[in-house]
Amino acid sequence: MRECASPACGGLLLTINNDTSKNPRPFYHSRQTLTQLGLSESSKLPIGVSINYKPDTGVFAEFHYIVITRLKVLN
């Protein structure tokens, strides 16, 4: 989790391994909380997960935010 005064920099920071998009980002932002994703707020980070996601097309789109549509914790 990352917090800051600007809404354009807070939220979860996600590194996506094997990102096949053109010019992949070193990390992406998500405004979703751990609780919204079905995880405990006291979870020790980083957590290895498999996700499905789509670009956030709202006001945070230019800041490379994503919306996670499915999350599975990897063992």
N, C-alpha and C. Protein backbone atom coordinates (compact mmCIF):
# COMPACT_ATOMS: atom_id res chain seq x y z
N MET A 1 0.85 -1.19 0.00
CA MET A 1 0.00 0.00 0.00
C MET A 1 0.88 1.24 0.00
N ARG A 2 0.42 2.25 -0.67
CA ARG A 2 1.15 3.51 -0.72
C ARG A 2 0.15 4.62 -0.47
N GLU A 3 0.50 5.52 0.41
CA GLU A 3 -0.37 6.65 0.70
C GLU A 3 0.38 7.94 0.41
N CYS A 4 -0.34 8.93 -0.06
CA CYS A 4 0.26 10.24 -0.28
C CYS A 4 -0.86 11.27 -0.37
N ALA A 5 -0.48 12.51 -0.38
CA ALA A 5 -1.47 13.60 -0.41
C ALA A 5 -2.24 13.66 -1.73
N SER A 6 -1.61 13.29 -2.82
CA SER A 6 -2.25 13.36 -4.13
C SER A 6 -3.01 12.07 -4.41
N PRO A 7 -4.24 12.15 -4.92
CA PRO A 7 -4.95 10.92 -5.27
C PRO A 7 -4.33 10.19 -6.45
N ALA A 8 -3.40 10.82 -7.12
CA ALA A 8 -2.77 10.20 -8.29
C ALA A 8 -1.60 9.29 -7.92
N CYS A 9 -1.29 9.14 -6.64
CA CYS A 9 -0.14 8.30 -6.29
C CYS A 9 -0.42 7.32 -5.17
N GLY A 10 -1.60 7.27 -4.62
CA GLY A 10 -1.91 6.36 -3.53
C GLY A 10 -2.43 5.02 -4.04
N GLY A 11 -2.67 4.10 -3.12
CA GLY A 11 -3.23 2.80 -3.47
C GLY A 11 -2.20 1.69 -3.48
N LEU A 12 -2.58 0.58 -4.10
CA LEU A 12 -1.68 -0.56 -4.22
C LEU A 12 -0.71 -0.36 -5.37
N LEU A 13 0.52 -0.78 -5.18
CA LEU A 13 1.50 -0.79 -6.26
C LEU A 13 1.68 -2.25 -6.66
N LEU A 14 1.53 -2.54 -7.94
CA LEU A 14 1.63 -3.91 -8.43
C LEU A 14 2.69 -4.02 -9.50
N THR A 15 3.57 -4.98 -9.32
CA THR A 15 4.53 -5.32 -10.36
C THR A 15 3.97 -6.53 -11.08
N ILE A 16 3.85 -6.45 -12.40
CA ILE A 16 3.28 -7.54 -13.18
C ILE A 16 4.41 -8.23 -13.94
N ASN A 17 4.73 -9.45 -13.49
CA ASN A 17 5.74 -10.24 -14.18
C ASN A 17 5.15 -10.76 -15.48
N ASN A 18 5.98 -10.89 -16.49
CA ASN A 18 5.54 -11.39 -17.80
C ASN A 18 4.47 -10.50 -18.43
N ASP A 19 4.56 -9.20 -18.19
CA ASP A 19 3.63 -8.24 -18.78
C ASP A 19 3.89 -8.19 -20.29
N THR A 20 2.89 -8.54 -21.07
CA THR A 20 3.06 -8.61 -22.53
C THR A 20 2.56 -7.34 -23.24
N SER A 21 2.14 -6.34 -22.47
CA SER A 21 1.68 -5.11 -23.11
C SER A 21 2.85 -4.36 -23.72
N LYS A 22 2.54 -3.52 -24.69
CA LYS A 22 3.58 -2.72 -25.35
C LYS A 22 4.10 -1.69 -24.34
N ASN A 23 5.41 -1.58 -24.21
CA ASN A 23 6.05 -0.66 -23.25
C ASN A 23 5.51 -0.86 -21.83
N PRO A 24 5.67 -2.06 -21.25
CA PRO A 24 5.11 -2.32 -19.92
C PRO A 24 5.70 -1.39 -18.86
N ARG A 25 4.89 -1.03 -17.90
CA ARG A 25 5.28 -0.17 -16.79
C ARG A 25 6.09 -0.97 -15.77
N PRO A 26 6.97 -0.34 -15.02
CA PRO A 26 7.66 -1.08 -13.95
C PRO A 26 6.70 -1.47 -12.84
N PHE A 27 5.64 -0.71 -12.66
CA PHE A 27 4.57 -1.06 -11.73
C PHE A 27 3.30 -0.32 -12.12
N TYR A 28 2.19 -0.83 -11.64
CA TYR A 28 0.88 -0.23 -11.88
C TYR A 28 0.27 0.14 -10.53
N HIS A 29 -0.70 1.03 -10.56
CA HIS A 29 -1.45 1.42 -9.37
C HIS A 29 -2.85 0.82 -9.44
N SER A 30 -3.41 0.53 -8.26
CA SER A 30 -4.81 0.16 -8.16
C SER A 30 -5.40 0.90 -6.97
N ARG A 31 -6.55 1.49 -7.15
CA ARG A 31 -7.24 2.20 -6.06
C ARG A 31 -7.98 1.23 -5.16
N GLN A 32 -8.05 -0.05 -5.54
CA GLN A 32 -8.74 -1.04 -4.73
C GLN A 32 -7.94 -1.33 -3.46
N THR A 33 -8.65 -1.66 -2.39
CA THR A 33 -7.99 -1.99 -1.13
C THR A 33 -7.79 -3.50 -1.04
N LEU A 34 -6.94 -3.91 -0.11
CA LEU A 34 -6.74 -5.34 0.10
C LEU A 34 -8.07 -6.01 0.45
N THR A 35 -8.86 -5.37 1.31
CA THR A 35 -10.16 -5.92 1.70
C THR A 35 -11.08 -6.09 0.50
N GLN A 36 -11.11 -5.12 -0.39
CA GLN A 36 -11.94 -5.22 -1.59
C GLN A 36 -11.50 -6.38 -2.48
N LEU A 37 -10.24 -6.75 -2.38
CA LEU A 37 -9.71 -7.86 -3.18
C LEU A 37 -9.79 -9.20 -2.46
N GLY A 38 -10.40 -9.20 -1.27
CA GLY A 38 -10.57 -10.45 -0.52
C GLY A 38 -9.37 -10.83 0.33
N LEU A 39 -8.49 -9.86 0.61
CA LEU A 39 -7.30 -10.11 1.42
C LEU A 39 -7.40 -9.34 2.73
N SER A 40 -6.70 -9.81 3.74
CA SER A 40 -6.69 -9.14 5.03
C SER A 40 -5.80 -7.90 4.98
N GLU A 41 -6.25 -6.83 5.64
CA GLU A 41 -5.45 -5.61 5.70
C GLU A 41 -4.14 -5.84 6.45
N SER A 42 -4.07 -6.92 7.24
CA SER A 42 -2.84 -7.22 7.98
C SER A 42 -1.94 -8.20 7.23
N SER A 43 -2.25 -8.48 5.97
CA SER A 43 -1.43 -9.39 5.17
C SER A 43 -0.02 -8.84 5.04
N LYS A 44 0.94 -9.75 5.14
CA LYS A 44 2.34 -9.34 4.97
C LYS A 44 2.60 -9.20 3.47
N LEU A 45 3.12 -8.04 3.08
CA LEU A 45 3.40 -7.76 1.68
C LEU A 45 4.89 -7.94 1.42
N PRO A 46 5.32 -8.30 0.24
CA PRO A 46 4.52 -8.53 -0.97
C PRO A 46 3.83 -9.89 -0.94
N ILE A 47 2.77 -9.99 -1.73
CA ILE A 47 1.99 -11.22 -1.86
C ILE A 47 2.06 -11.65 -3.32
N GLY A 48 2.39 -12.91 -3.57
CA GLY A 48 2.38 -13.43 -4.93
C GLY A 48 0.95 -13.77 -5.33
N VAL A 49 0.48 -13.19 -6.40
CA VAL A 49 -0.89 -13.42 -6.85
C VAL A 49 -0.93 -13.58 -8.36
N SER A 50 -2.00 -14.16 -8.82
CA SER A 50 -2.34 -14.19 -10.24
C SER A 50 -3.57 -13.30 -10.38
N ILE A 51 -3.55 -12.37 -11.35
CA ILE A 51 -4.68 -11.46 -11.49
C ILE A 51 -5.14 -11.36 -12.94
N ASN A 52 -6.39 -11.00 -13.08
CA ASN A 52 -6.93 -10.49 -14.34
C ASN A 52 -7.21 -9.03 -14.06
N TYR A 53 -6.95 -8.19 -15.03
CA TYR A 53 -7.15 -6.76 -14.82
C TYR A 53 -7.51 -6.08 -16.13
N LYS A 54 -7.98 -4.85 -15.99
CA LYS A 54 -8.26 -4.00 -17.15
C LYS A 54 -7.78 -2.59 -16.80
N PRO A 55 -7.46 -1.81 -17.80
CA PRO A 55 -7.05 -0.43 -17.52
C PRO A 55 -8.19 0.35 -16.87
N ASP A 56 -7.85 1.20 -15.93
CA ASP A 56 -8.82 2.11 -15.33
C ASP A 56 -9.07 3.22 -16.35
N THR A 57 -10.28 3.36 -16.80
CA THR A 57 -10.60 4.36 -17.82
C THR A 57 -11.18 5.64 -17.22
N GLY A 58 -11.18 5.72 -15.89
CA GLY A 58 -11.71 6.91 -15.21
C GLY A 58 -10.67 8.00 -15.10
N VAL A 59 -10.79 8.81 -14.07
CA VAL A 59 -9.91 9.97 -13.90
C VAL A 59 -8.46 9.58 -13.64
N PHE A 60 -8.19 8.33 -13.26
CA PHE A 60 -6.83 7.90 -12.98
C PHE A 60 -6.17 7.20 -14.17
N ALA A 61 -6.82 7.15 -15.30
CA ALA A 61 -6.29 6.43 -16.46
C ALA A 61 -4.91 6.94 -16.88
N GLU A 62 -4.70 8.22 -16.86
CA GLU A 62 -3.42 8.76 -17.31
C GLU A 62 -2.27 8.43 -16.35
N PHE A 63 -2.60 7.95 -15.15
CA PHE A 63 -1.57 7.58 -14.18
C PHE A 63 -1.32 6.07 -14.16
N HIS A 64 -1.82 5.36 -15.19
CA HIS A 64 -1.61 3.93 -15.36
C HIS A 64 -2.22 3.09 -14.23
N TYR A 65 -3.40 3.49 -13.78
CA TYR A 65 -4.12 2.69 -12.80
C TYR A 65 -4.81 1.54 -13.51
N ILE A 66 -5.00 0.45 -12.77
CA ILE A 66 -5.71 -0.70 -13.29
C ILE A 66 -6.82 -1.07 -12.32
N VAL A 67 -7.80 -1.82 -12.82
CA VAL A 67 -8.88 -2.37 -12.01
C VAL A 67 -8.69 -3.89 -12.04
N ILE A 68 -8.52 -4.48 -10.88
CA ILE A 68 -8.33 -5.92 -10.79
C ILE A 68 -9.70 -6.58 -10.82
N THR A 69 -9.91 -7.47 -11.77
CA THR A 69 -11.21 -8.13 -11.93
C THR A 69 -11.23 -9.54 -11.34
N ARG A 70 -10.06 -10.15 -11.13
CA ARG A 70 -9.95 -11.46 -10.50
C ARG A 70 -8.58 -11.54 -9.85
N LEU A 71 -8.55 -12.10 -8.63
CA LEU A 71 -7.29 -12.26 -7.92
C LEU A 71 -7.25 -13.63 -7.27
N LYS A 72 -6.12 -14.32 -7.43
CA LYS A 72 -5.91 -15.62 -6.79
C LYS A 72 -4.54 -15.58 -6.13
N VAL A 73 -4.50 -15.85 -4.83
CA VAL A 73 -3.23 -15.90 -4.11
C VAL A 73 -2.47 -17.16 -4.51
N LEU A 74 -1.19 -17.00 -4.83
CA LEU A 74 -0.35 -18.14 -5.20
C LEU A 74 0.32 -18.68 -3.96
N ASN A 75 0.42 -19.97 -3.88
CA ASN A 75 1.09 -20.60 -2.72
C ASN A 75 2.57 -20.69 -2.95
